[in-house]
Full PDB file with SEQRES, HELIX, SHEET, SSBOND, CRYST1, ORIGX, SCALE, CONECT and MASTER records, all heavy atoms in Angstrom:
SEQRES   1 A   38  VAL LEU ILE ALA ILE LEU PHE VAL MET PRO ARG GLY ILE          
SEQRES   2 A   38  ALA PRO TYR LEU ASP ASP TRP PHE ALA GLY ARG ALA ALA          
SEQRES   3 A   38  ALA ARG SER SER ALA PRO VAL ALA LYS PRO GLN LEU              
HELIX    1 AA1 LEU A    2  VAL A    8  1                                   7    
HELIX    2 AA2 ILE A   13  SER A   30  1                                  18    
CRYST1    1.000    1.000    1.000  90.00  90.00  90.00 P 1           1          
ORIGX1      1.000000  0.000000  0.000000        0.00000                         
ORIGX2      0.000000  1.000000  0.000000        0.00000                         
ORIGX3      0.000000  0.000000  1.000000        0.00000                         
SCALE1      1.000000  0.000000  0.000000        0.00000                         
SCALE2      0.000000  1.000000  0.000000        0.00000                         
SCALE3      0.000000  0.000000  1.000000        0.00000                         
ATOM      1  N   VAL A   1      17.928  -9.180  23.355  1.00  0.00           N  
ATOM      2  CA  VAL A   1      17.630  -8.895  21.949  1.00  0.00           C  
ATOM      3  C   VAL A   1      16.700  -9.954  21.378  1.00  0.00           C  
ATOM      4  O   VAL A   1      15.739  -9.650  20.661  1.00  0.00           O  
ATOM      5  CB  VAL A   1      18.932  -8.805  21.131  1.00  0.00           C  
ATOM      6  CG1 VAL A   1      18.632  -8.734  19.633  1.00  0.00           C  
ATOM      7  CG2 VAL A   1      19.748  -7.590  21.558  1.00  0.00           C  
ATOM      8  N   LEU A   2      16.968 -11.221  21.691  1.00  0.00           N  
ATOM      9  CA  LEU A   2      16.111 -12.303  21.205  1.00  0.00           C  
ATOM     10  C   LEU A   2      14.691 -12.167  21.732  1.00  0.00           C  
ATOM     11  O   LEU A   2      13.716 -12.290  20.976  1.00  0.00           O  
ATOM     12  CB  LEU A   2      16.703 -13.652  21.627  1.00  0.00           C  
ATOM     13  CG  LEU A   2      15.875 -14.894  21.269  1.00  0.00           C  
ATOM     14  CD1 LEU A   2      15.708 -15.005  19.761  1.00  0.00           C  
ATOM     15  CD2 LEU A   2      16.531 -16.146  21.831  1.00  0.00           C  
ATOM     16  N   ILE A   3      14.556 -11.880  23.025  1.00  0.00           N  
ATOM     17  CA  ILE A   3      13.226 -11.725  23.613  1.00  0.00           C  
ATOM     18  C   ILE A   3      12.500 -10.537  22.989  1.00  0.00           C  
ATOM     19  O   ILE A   3      11.302 -10.606  22.684  1.00  0.00           O  
ATOM     20  CB  ILE A   3      13.343 -11.552  25.144  1.00  0.00           C  
ATOM     21  CG1 ILE A   3      13.843 -12.859  25.774  1.00  0.00           C  
ATOM     22  CG2 ILE A   3      11.994 -11.153  25.749  1.00  0.00           C  
ATOM     23  CD1 ILE A   3      14.163 -12.744  27.246  1.00  0.00           C  
ATOM     24  N   ALA A   4      13.214  -9.436  22.775  1.00  0.00           N  
ATOM     25  CA  ALA A   4      12.596  -8.253  22.180  1.00  0.00           C  
ATOM     26  C   ALA A   4      12.102  -8.544  20.770  1.00  0.00           C  
ATOM     27  O   ALA A   4      10.995  -8.121  20.384  1.00  0.00           O  
ATOM     28  CB  ALA A   4      13.598  -7.098  22.164  1.00  0.00           C  
ATOM     29  N   ILE A   5      12.911  -9.251  19.992  1.00  0.00           N  
ATOM     30  CA  ILE A   5      12.499  -9.579  18.621  1.00  0.00           C  
ATOM     31  C   ILE A   5      11.245 -10.447  18.630  1.00  0.00           C  
ATOM     32  O   ILE A   5      10.280 -10.176  17.897  1.00  0.00           O  
ATOM     33  CB  ILE A   5      13.647 -10.290  17.874  1.00  0.00           C  
ATOM     34  CG1 ILE A   5      14.782  -9.311  17.590  1.00  0.00           C  
ATOM     35  CG2 ILE A   5      13.147 -10.900  16.560  1.00  0.00           C  
ATOM     36  CD1 ILE A   5      16.009  -9.957  16.975  1.00  0.00           C  
ATOM     37  N   LEU A   6      11.230 -11.472  19.464  1.00  0.00           N  
ATOM     38  CA  LEU A   6      10.082 -12.375  19.489  1.00  0.00           C  
ATOM     39  C   LEU A   6       8.849 -11.715  20.110  1.00  0.00           C  
ATOM     40  O   LEU A   6       7.720 -12.096  19.788  1.00  0.00           O  
ATOM     41  CB  LEU A   6      10.446 -13.648  20.267  1.00  0.00           C  
ATOM     42  CG  LEU A   6      11.569 -14.489  19.641  1.00  0.00           C  
ATOM     43  CD1 LEU A   6      11.831 -15.731  20.470  1.00  0.00           C  
ATOM     44  CD2 LEU A   6      11.217 -14.875  18.207  1.00  0.00           C  
ATOM     45  N   PHE A   7       9.061 -10.735  20.993  1.00  0.00           N  
ATOM     46  CA  PHE A   7       7.924 -10.032  21.590  1.00  0.00           C  
ATOM     47  C   PHE A   7       7.284  -9.089  20.578  1.00  0.00           C  
ATOM     48  O   PHE A   7       6.052  -9.014  20.464  1.00  0.00           O  
ATOM     49  CB  PHE A   7       8.389  -9.249  22.821  1.00  0.00           C  
ATOM     50  CG  PHE A   7       7.273  -8.541  23.534  1.00  0.00           C  
ATOM     51  CD1 PHE A   7       6.408  -9.232  24.369  1.00  0.00           C  
ATOM     52  CD2 PHE A   7       7.064  -7.178  23.351  1.00  0.00           C  
ATOM     53  CE1 PHE A   7       5.372  -8.579  25.011  1.00  0.00           C  
ATOM     54  CE2 PHE A   7       6.036  -6.514  23.991  1.00  0.00           C  
ATOM     55  CZ  PHE A   7       5.179  -7.221  24.829  1.00  0.00           C  
ATOM     56  N   VAL A   8       8.098  -8.363  19.836  1.00  0.00           N  
ATOM     57  CA  VAL A   8       7.582  -7.406  18.857  1.00  0.00           C  
ATOM     58  C   VAL A   8       7.165  -8.100  17.562  1.00  0.00           C  
ATOM     59  O   VAL A   8       6.165  -7.745  16.939  1.00  0.00           O  
ATOM     60  CB  VAL A   8       8.640  -6.318  18.558  1.00  0.00           C  
ATOM     61  CG1 VAL A   8       8.144  -5.358  17.483  1.00  0.00           C  
ATOM     62  CG2 VAL A   8       8.983  -5.568  19.832  1.00  0.00           C  
ATOM     63  N   MET A   9       7.936  -9.116  17.161  1.00  0.00           N  
ATOM     64  CA  MET A   9       7.679  -9.826  15.900  1.00  0.00           C  
ATOM     65  C   MET A   9       7.597 -11.319  16.180  1.00  0.00           C  
ATOM     66  O   MET A   9       8.574 -12.051  15.960  1.00  0.00           O  
ATOM     67  CB  MET A   9       8.795  -9.522  14.890  1.00  0.00           C  
ATOM     68  CG  MET A   9       8.895  -8.064  14.512  1.00  0.00           C  
ATOM     69  SD  MET A   9      10.406  -7.648  13.590  1.00  0.00           S  
ATOM     70  CE  MET A   9      11.585  -7.507  14.949  1.00  0.00           C  
ATOM     71  N   PRO A  10       6.479 -11.812  16.687  1.00  0.00           N  
ATOM     72  CA  PRO A  10       6.376 -13.227  17.091  1.00  0.00           C  
ATOM     73  C   PRO A  10       6.645 -14.206  15.961  1.00  0.00           C  
ATOM     74  O   PRO A  10       7.143 -15.303  16.198  1.00  0.00           O  
ATOM     75  CB  PRO A  10       4.923 -13.347  17.583  1.00  0.00           C  
ATOM     76  CG  PRO A  10       4.500 -11.961  17.905  1.00  0.00           C  
ATOM     77  CD  PRO A  10       5.244 -11.075  16.957  1.00  0.00           C  
ATOM     78  N   ARG A  11       6.335 -13.833  14.726  1.00  0.00           N  
ATOM     79  CA  ARG A  11       6.556 -14.737  13.591  1.00  0.00           C  
ATOM     80  C   ARG A  11       7.961 -14.622  13.020  1.00  0.00           C  
ATOM     81  O   ARG A  11       8.323 -15.372  12.121  1.00  0.00           O  
ATOM     82  CB  ARG A  11       5.535 -14.431  12.487  1.00  0.00           C  
ATOM     83  CG  ARG A  11       4.088 -14.745  12.877  1.00  0.00           C  
ATOM     84  CD  ARG A  11       3.121 -14.187  11.852  1.00  0.00           C  
ATOM     85  NE  ARG A  11       3.465 -14.643  10.518  1.00  0.00           N  
ATOM     86  CZ  ARG A  11       3.226 -13.936   9.412  1.00  0.00           C  
ATOM     87  NH1 ARG A  11       2.672 -12.730   9.508  1.00  0.00           N  
ATOM     88  NH2 ARG A  11       3.551 -14.418   8.231  1.00  0.00           N  
ATOM     89  N   GLY A  12       8.760 -13.696  13.531  1.00  0.00           N  
ATOM     90  CA  GLY A  12      10.108 -13.507  13.040  1.00  0.00           C  
ATOM     91  C   GLY A  12      10.249 -12.230  12.234  1.00  0.00           C  
ATOM     92  O   GLY A  12       9.262 -11.585  11.858  1.00  0.00           O  
ATOM     93  N   ILE A  13      11.496 -11.867  11.935  1.00  0.00           N  
ATOM     94  CA  ILE A  13      11.770 -10.590  11.268  1.00  0.00           C  
ATOM     95  C   ILE A  13      11.305 -10.598   9.822  1.00  0.00           C  
ATOM     96  O   ILE A  13      10.683  -9.637   9.352  1.00  0.00           O  
ATOM     97  CB  ILE A  13      13.280 -10.279  11.348  1.00  0.00           C  
ATOM     98  CG1 ILE A  13      13.713 -10.142  12.809  1.00  0.00           C  
ATOM     99  CG2 ILE A  13      13.607  -9.002  10.592  1.00  0.00           C  
ATOM    100  CD1 ILE A  13      15.207  -9.995  12.985  1.00  0.00           C  
ATOM    101  N   ALA A  14      11.604 -11.658   9.063  1.00  0.00           N  
ATOM    102  CA  ALA A  14      11.263 -11.695   7.632  1.00  0.00           C  
ATOM    103  C   ALA A  14       9.757 -11.597   7.397  1.00  0.00           C  
ATOM    104  O   ALA A  14       9.317 -10.785   6.567  1.00  0.00           O  
ATOM    105  CB  ALA A  14      11.848 -12.943   6.987  1.00  0.00           C  
ATOM    106  N   PRO A  15       8.905 -12.386   8.081  1.00  0.00           N  
ATOM    107  CA  PRO A  15       7.454 -12.225   7.888  1.00  0.00           C  
ATOM    108  C   PRO A  15       6.952 -10.842   8.299  1.00  0.00           C  
ATOM    109  O   PRO A  15       6.048 -10.287   7.667  1.00  0.00           O  
ATOM    110  CB  PRO A  15       6.846 -13.318   8.774  1.00  0.00           C  
ATOM    111  CG  PRO A  15       7.928 -14.337   8.896  1.00  0.00           C  
ATOM    112  CD  PRO A  15       9.196 -13.554   8.928  1.00  0.00           C  
ATOM    113  N   TYR A  16       7.554 -10.275   9.360  1.00  0.00           N  
ATOM    114  CA  TYR A  16       7.142  -8.934   9.794  1.00  0.00           C  
ATOM    115  C   TYR A  16       7.454  -7.901   8.715  1.00  0.00           C  
ATOM    116  O   TYR A  16       6.623  -7.051   8.398  1.00  0.00           O  
ATOM    117  CB  TYR A  16       7.863  -8.575  11.094  1.00  0.00           C  
ATOM    118  CG  TYR A  16       7.585  -7.171  11.579  1.00  0.00           C  
ATOM    119  CD1 TYR A  16       6.434  -6.892  12.332  1.00  0.00           C  
ATOM    120  CD2 TYR A  16       8.457  -6.126  11.290  1.00  0.00           C  
ATOM    121  CE1 TYR A  16       6.183  -5.599  12.781  1.00  0.00           C  
ATOM    122  CE2 TYR A  16       8.200  -4.842  11.732  1.00  0.00           C  
ATOM    123  CZ  TYR A  16       7.064  -4.582  12.470  1.00  0.00           C  
ATOM    124  OH  TYR A  16       6.806  -3.303  12.893  1.00  0.00           O  
ATOM    125  N   LEU A  17       8.654  -7.982   8.133  1.00  0.00           N  
ATOM    126  CA  LEU A  17       9.012  -7.053   7.062  1.00  0.00           C  
ATOM    127  C   LEU A  17       8.112  -7.237   5.847  1.00  0.00           C  
ATOM    128  O   LEU A  17       7.707  -6.264   5.202  1.00  0.00           O  
ATOM    129  CB  LEU A  17      10.478  -7.250   6.672  1.00  0.00           C  
ATOM    130  CG  LEU A  17      11.527  -6.831   7.703  1.00  0.00           C  
ATOM    131  CD1 LEU A  17      12.928  -7.174   7.208  1.00  0.00           C  
ATOM    132  CD2 LEU A  17      11.426  -5.340   8.009  1.00  0.00           C  
ATOM    133  N   ASP A  18       7.804  -8.482   5.538  1.00  0.00           N  
ATOM    134  CA  ASP A  18       6.924  -8.758   4.403  1.00  0.00           C  
ATOM    135  C   ASP A  18       5.554  -8.134   4.614  1.00  0.00           C  
ATOM    136  O   ASP A  18       4.989  -7.486   3.720  1.00  0.00           O  
ATOM    137  CB  ASP A  18       6.801 -10.271   4.218  1.00  0.00           C  
ATOM    138  CG  ASP A  18       6.366 -10.636   2.812  1.00  0.00           C  
ATOM    139  OD1 ASP A  18       6.374  -9.745   1.936  1.00  0.00           O  
ATOM    140  OD2 ASP A  18       6.026 -11.807   2.576  1.00  0.00           O  
ATOM    141  N   ASP A  19       4.986  -8.306   5.817  1.00  0.00           N  
ATOM    142  CA  ASP A  19       3.681  -7.717   6.127  1.00  0.00           C  
ATOM    143  C   ASP A  19       3.746  -6.190   6.122  1.00  0.00           C  
ATOM    144  O   ASP A  19       2.814  -5.522   5.665  1.00  0.00           O  
ATOM    145  CB  ASP A  19       3.183  -8.212   7.494  1.00  0.00           C  
ATOM    146  CG  ASP A  19       2.870  -9.699   7.488  1.00  0.00           C  
ATOM    147  OD1 ASP A  19       2.717 -10.263   6.386  1.00  0.00           O  
ATOM    148  OD2 ASP A  19       2.799 -10.296   8.580  1.00  0.00           O  
ATOM    149  N   TRP A  20       4.855  -5.646   6.624  1.00  0.00           N  
ATOM    150  CA  TRP A  20       4.980  -4.185   6.705  1.00  0.00           C  
ATOM    151  C   TRP A  20       5.027  -3.572   5.309  1.00  0.00           C  
ATOM    152  O   TRP A  20       4.330  -2.592   5.020  1.00  0.00           O  
ATOM    153  CB  TRP A  20       6.224  -3.822   7.492  1.00  0.00           C  
ATOM    154  CG  TRP A  20       6.369  -2.359   7.764  1.00  0.00           C  
ATOM    155  CD1 TRP A  20       5.718  -1.627   8.724  1.00  0.00           C  
ATOM    156  CD2 TRP A  20       7.212  -1.437   7.055  1.00  0.00           C  
ATOM    157  NE1 TRP A  20       6.104  -0.312   8.667  1.00  0.00           N  
ATOM    158  CE2 TRP A  20       7.016  -0.156   7.649  1.00  0.00           C  
ATOM    159  CE3 TRP A  20       8.101  -1.561   6.007  1.00  0.00           C  
ATOM    160  CZ2 TRP A  20       7.682   0.972   7.206  1.00  0.00           C  
ATOM    161  CZ3 TRP A  20       8.771  -0.437   5.563  1.00  0.00           C  
ATOM    162  CH2 TRP A  20       8.567   0.817   6.150  1.00  0.00           C  
ATOM    163  N   PHE A  21       5.842  -4.151   4.427  1.00  0.00           N  
ATOM    164  CA  PHE A  21       5.939  -3.629   3.068  1.00  0.00           C  
ATOM    165  C   PHE A  21       4.636  -3.852   2.302  1.00  0.00           C  
ATOM    166  O   PHE A  21       4.235  -3.011   1.493  1.00  0.00           O  
ATOM    167  CB  PHE A  21       7.101  -4.285   2.329  1.00  0.00           C  
ATOM    168  CG  PHE A  21       8.448  -3.744   2.720  1.00  0.00           C  
ATOM    169  CD1 PHE A  21       9.394  -4.567   3.327  1.00  0.00           C  
ATOM    170  CD2 PHE A  21       8.781  -2.417   2.489  1.00  0.00           C  
ATOM    171  CE1 PHE A  21      10.630  -4.068   3.692  1.00  0.00           C  
ATOM    172  CE2 PHE A  21      10.023  -1.920   2.857  1.00  0.00           C  
ATOM    173  CZ  PHE A  21      10.944  -2.746   3.461  1.00  0.00           C  
ATOM    174  N   ALA A  22       3.962  -4.981   2.552  1.00  0.00           N  
ATOM    175  CA  ALA A  22       2.675  -5.228   1.895  1.00  0.00           C  
ATOM    176  C   ALA A  22       1.638  -4.212   2.350  1.00  0.00           C  
ATOM    177  O   ALA A  22       0.830  -3.719   1.541  1.00  0.00           O  
ATOM    178  CB  ALA A  22       2.198  -6.646   2.195  1.00  0.00           C  
ATOM    179  N   GLY A  23       1.645  -3.881   3.651  1.00  0.00           N  
ATOM    180  CA  GLY A  23       0.721  -2.866   4.148  1.00  0.00           C  
ATOM    181  C   GLY A  23       0.992  -1.497   3.564  1.00  0.00           C  
ATOM    182  O   GLY A  23       0.061  -0.756   3.223  1.00  0.00           O  
ATOM    183  N   ARG A  24       2.255  -1.147   3.417  1.00  0.00           N  
ATOM    184  CA  ARG A  24       2.618   0.134   2.803  1.00  0.00           C  
ATOM    185  C   ARG A  24       2.151   0.190   1.349  1.00  0.00           C  
ATOM    186  O   ARG A  24       1.610   1.202   0.890  1.00  0.00           O  
ATOM    187  CB  ARG A  24       4.123   0.320   2.869  1.00  0.00           C  
ATOM    188  CG  ARG A  24       4.683   0.423   4.266  1.00  0.00           C  
ATOM    189  CD  ARG A  24       4.865   1.824   4.728  1.00  0.00           C  
ATOM    190  NE  ARG A  24       5.774   2.566   3.855  1.00  0.00           N  
ATOM    191  CZ  ARG A  24       6.168   3.809   4.105  1.00  0.00           C  
ATOM    192  NH1 ARG A  24       5.729   4.427   5.204  1.00  0.00           N  
ATOM    193  NH2 ARG A  24       6.989   4.431   3.291  1.00  0.00           N  
ATOM    194  N   ALA A  25       2.342  -0.909   0.625  1.00  0.00           N  
ATOM    195  CA  ALA A  25       1.925  -0.942  -0.772  1.00  0.00           C  
ATOM    196  C   ALA A  25       0.410  -0.835  -0.894  1.00  0.00           C  
ATOM    197  O   ALA A  25      -0.111  -0.140  -1.777  1.00  0.00           O  
ATOM    198  CB  ALA A  25       2.424  -2.221  -1.441  1.00  0.00           C  
ATOM    199  N   ALA A  26      -0.312  -1.522   0.002  1.00  0.00           N  
ATOM    200  CA  ALA A  26      -1.773  -1.460  -0.030  1.00  0.00           C  
ATOM    201  C   ALA A  26      -2.269  -0.056   0.308  1.00  0.00           C  
ATOM    202  O   ALA A  26      -3.232   0.433  -0.286  1.00  0.00           O  
ATOM    203  CB  ALA A  26      -2.355  -2.476   0.955  1.00  0.00           C  
ATOM    204  N   ALA A  27      -1.595   0.603   1.247  1.00  0.00           N  
ATOM    205  CA  ALA A  27      -1.999   1.962   1.613  1.00  0.00           C  
ATOM    206  C   ALA A  27      -1.782   2.927   0.459  1.00  0.00           C  
ATOM    207  O   ALA A  27      -2.621   3.819   0.209  1.00  0.00           O  
ATOM    208  CB  ALA A  27      -1.214   2.415   2.847  1.00  0.00           C  
ATOM    209  N   ARG A  28      -0.695   2.764  -0.276  1.00  0.00           N  
ATOM    210  CA  ARG A  28      -0.442   3.652  -1.418  1.00  0.00           C  
ATOM    211  C   ARG A  28      -1.446   3.418  -2.540  1.00  0.00           C  
ATOM    212  O   ARG A  28      -1.892   4.356  -3.197  1.00  0.00           O  
ATOM    213  CB  ARG A  28       0.979   3.436  -1.938  1.00  0.00           C  
ATOM    214  CG  ARG A  28       2.055   4.035  -1.052  1.00  0.00           C  
ATOM    215  CD  ARG A  28       3.375   4.139  -1.799  1.00  0.00           C  
ATOM    216  NE  ARG A  28       3.834   2.818  -2.238  1.00  0.00           N  
ATOM    217  CZ  ARG A  28       4.657   2.051  -1.536  1.00  0.00           C  
ATOM    218  NH1 ARG A  28       5.081   2.464  -0.347  1.00  0.00           N  
ATOM    219  NH2 ARG A  28       5.032   0.883  -1.997  1.00  0.00           N  
ATOM    220  N   SER A  29      -1.798   2.157  -2.765  1.00  0.00           N  
ATOM    221  CA  SER A  29      -2.719   1.858  -3.857  1.00  0.00           C  
ATOM    222  C   SER A  29      -4.142   2.297  -3.547  1.00  0.00           C  
ATOM    223  O   SER A  29      -4.920   2.592  -4.453  1.00  0.00           O  
ATOM    224  CB  SER A  29      -2.713   0.354  -4.156  1.00  0.00           C  
ATOM    225  OG  SER A  29      -3.150  -0.380  -3.020  1.00  0.00           O  
ATOM    226  N   SER A  30      -4.504   2.351  -2.246  1.00  0.00           N  
ATOM    227  CA  SER A  30      -5.863   2.743  -1.870  1.00  0.00           C  
ATOM    228  C   SER A  30      -5.987   4.233  -1.551  1.00  0.00           C  
ATOM    229  O   SER A  30      -7.077   4.721  -1.271  1.00  0.00           O  
ATOM    230  CB  SER A  30      -6.322   1.941  -0.658  1.00  0.00           C  
ATOM    231  OG  SER A  30      -5.490   2.194   0.460  1.00  0.00           O  
ATOM    232  N   ALA A  31      -4.888   4.976  -1.607  1.00  0.00           N  
ATOM    233  CA  ALA A  31      -4.934   6.408  -1.308  1.00  0.00           C  
ATOM    234  C   ALA A  31      -5.710   7.139  -2.403  1.00  0.00           C  
ATOM    235  O   ALA A  31      -5.540   6.850  -3.598  1.00  0.00           O  
ATOM    236  CB  ALA A  31      -3.520   6.961  -1.197  1.00  0.00           C  
ATOM    237  N   PRO A  32      -6.588   8.083  -2.059  1.00  0.00           N  
ATOM    238  CA  PRO A  32      -7.346   8.825  -3.077  1.00  0.00           C  
ATOM    239  C   PRO A  32      -6.419   9.683  -3.929  1.00  0.00           C  
ATOM    240  O   PRO A  32      -5.461  10.276  -3.441  1.00  0.00           O  
ATOM    241  CB  PRO A  32      -8.297   9.687  -2.238  1.00  0.00           C  
ATOM    242  CG  PRO A  32      -7.644   9.799  -0.895  1.00  0.00           C  
ATOM    243  CD  PRO A  32      -6.907   8.524  -0.691  1.00  0.00           C  
ATOM    244  N   VAL A  33      -6.728   9.702  -5.211  1.00  0.00           N  
ATOM    245  CA  VAL A  33      -5.946  10.492  -6.150  1.00  0.00           C  
ATOM    246  C   VAL A  33      -6.607  11.852  -6.324  1.00  0.00           C  
ATOM    247  O   VAL A  33      -7.799  11.942  -6.641  1.00  0.00           O  
ATOM    248  CB  VAL A  33      -5.836   9.770  -7.514  1.00  0.00           C  
ATOM    249  CG1 VAL A  33      -5.037  10.612  -8.495  1.00  0.00           C  
ATOM    250  CG2 VAL A  33      -5.227   8.398  -7.332  1.00  0.00           C  
ATOM    251  N   ALA A  34      -5.851  12.922  -6.114  1.00  0.00           N  
ATOM    252  CA  ALA A  34      -6.401  14.273  -6.233  1.00  0.00           C  
ATOM    253  C   ALA A  34      -6.713  14.591  -7.690  1.00  0.00           C  
ATOM    254  O   ALA A  34      -5.896  14.367  -8.586  1.00  0.00           O  
ATOM    255  CB  ALA A  34      -5.416  15.281  -5.675  1.00  0.00           C  
ATOM    256  N   LYS A  35      -7.928  15.089  -7.944  1.00  0.00           N  
ATOM    257  CA  LYS A  35      -8.319  15.448  -9.298  1.00  0.00           C  
ATOM    258  C   LYS A  35      -7.760  16.819  -9.671  1.00  0.00           C  
ATOM    259  O   LYS A  35      -7.794  17.743  -8.857  1.00  0.00           O  
ATOM    260  CB  LYS A  35      -9.838  15.471  -9.412  1.00  0.00           C  
ATOM    261  CG  LYS A  35     -10.485  14.101  -9.199  1.00  0.00           C  
ATOM    262  CD  LYS A  35     -11.990  14.191  -9.351  1.00  0.00           C  
ATOM    263  CE  LYS A  35     -12.629  12.810  -9.165  1.00  0.00           C  
ATOM    264  NZ  LYS A  35     -14.106  12.887  -9.311  1.00  0.00           N  
ATOM    265  N   PRO A  36      -7.242  16.972 -10.882  1.00  0.00           N  
ATOM    266  CA  PRO A  36      -6.736  18.288 -11.282  1.00  0.00           C  
ATOM    267  C   PRO A  36      -7.868  19.294 -11.412  1.00  0.00           C  
ATOM    268  O   PRO A  36      -8.955  19.002 -11.908  1.00  0.00           O  
ATOM    269  CB  PRO A  36      -6.092  17.994 -12.654  1.00  0.00           C  
ATOM    270  CG  PRO A  36      -6.767  16.768 -13.142  1.00  0.00           C  
ATOM    271  CD  PRO A  36      -7.115  15.956 -11.946  1.00  0.00           C  
ATOM    272  N   GLN A  37      -7.638  20.477 -10.918  1.00  0.00           N  
ATOM    273  CA  GLN A  37      -8.662  21.524 -10.929  1.00  0.00           C  
ATOM    274  C   GLN A  37      -8.636  22.245 -12.277  1.00  0.00           C  
ATOM    275  O   GLN A  37      -7.587  22.627 -12.773  1.00  0.00           O  
ATOM    276  CB  GLN A  37      -8.384  22.524  -9.804  1.00  0.00           C  
ATOM    277  CG  GLN A  37      -9.527  23.514  -9.610  1.00  0.00           C  
ATOM    278  CD  GLN A  37      -9.252  24.405  -8.404  1.00  0.00           C  
ATOM    279  OE1 GLN A  37      -8.112  24.587  -8.041  1.00  0.00           O  
ATOM    280  NE2 GLN A  37     -10.295  24.938  -7.819  1.00  0.00           N  
ATOM    281  N   LEU A  38      -9.825  22.355 -12.897  1.00  0.00           N  
ATOM    282  CA  LEU A  38      -9.913  23.005 -14.195  1.00  0.00           C  
ATOM    283  C   LEU A  38      -9.742  24.515 -14.050  1.00  0.00           C  
ATOM    284  O   LEU A  38     -10.064  25.113 -13.031  1.00  0.00           O  
ATOM    285  CB  LEU A  38     -11.284  22.726 -14.831  1.00  0.00           C  
ATOM    286  CG  LEU A  38     -11.560  21.237 -15.157  1.00  0.00           C  
ATOM    287  CD1 LEU A  38     -12.960  21.102 -15.730  1.00  0.00           C  
ATOM    288  CD2 LEU A  38     -10.533  20.693 -16.106  1.00  0.00           C  
TER     289      LEU A  38                                                      
MASTER        0    0    0    2    0    0    0    6  288    1    0    3          
END                                                                             
């Protein structure tokens, strides 16, 4: 388990979660907003 964690998340679980949530937030903010059709 320790090896798997360090292999997938070399910086540790907390920094990985922080980056993951930050990436999700950035993706939502940059997503195009659909214009309402007249």
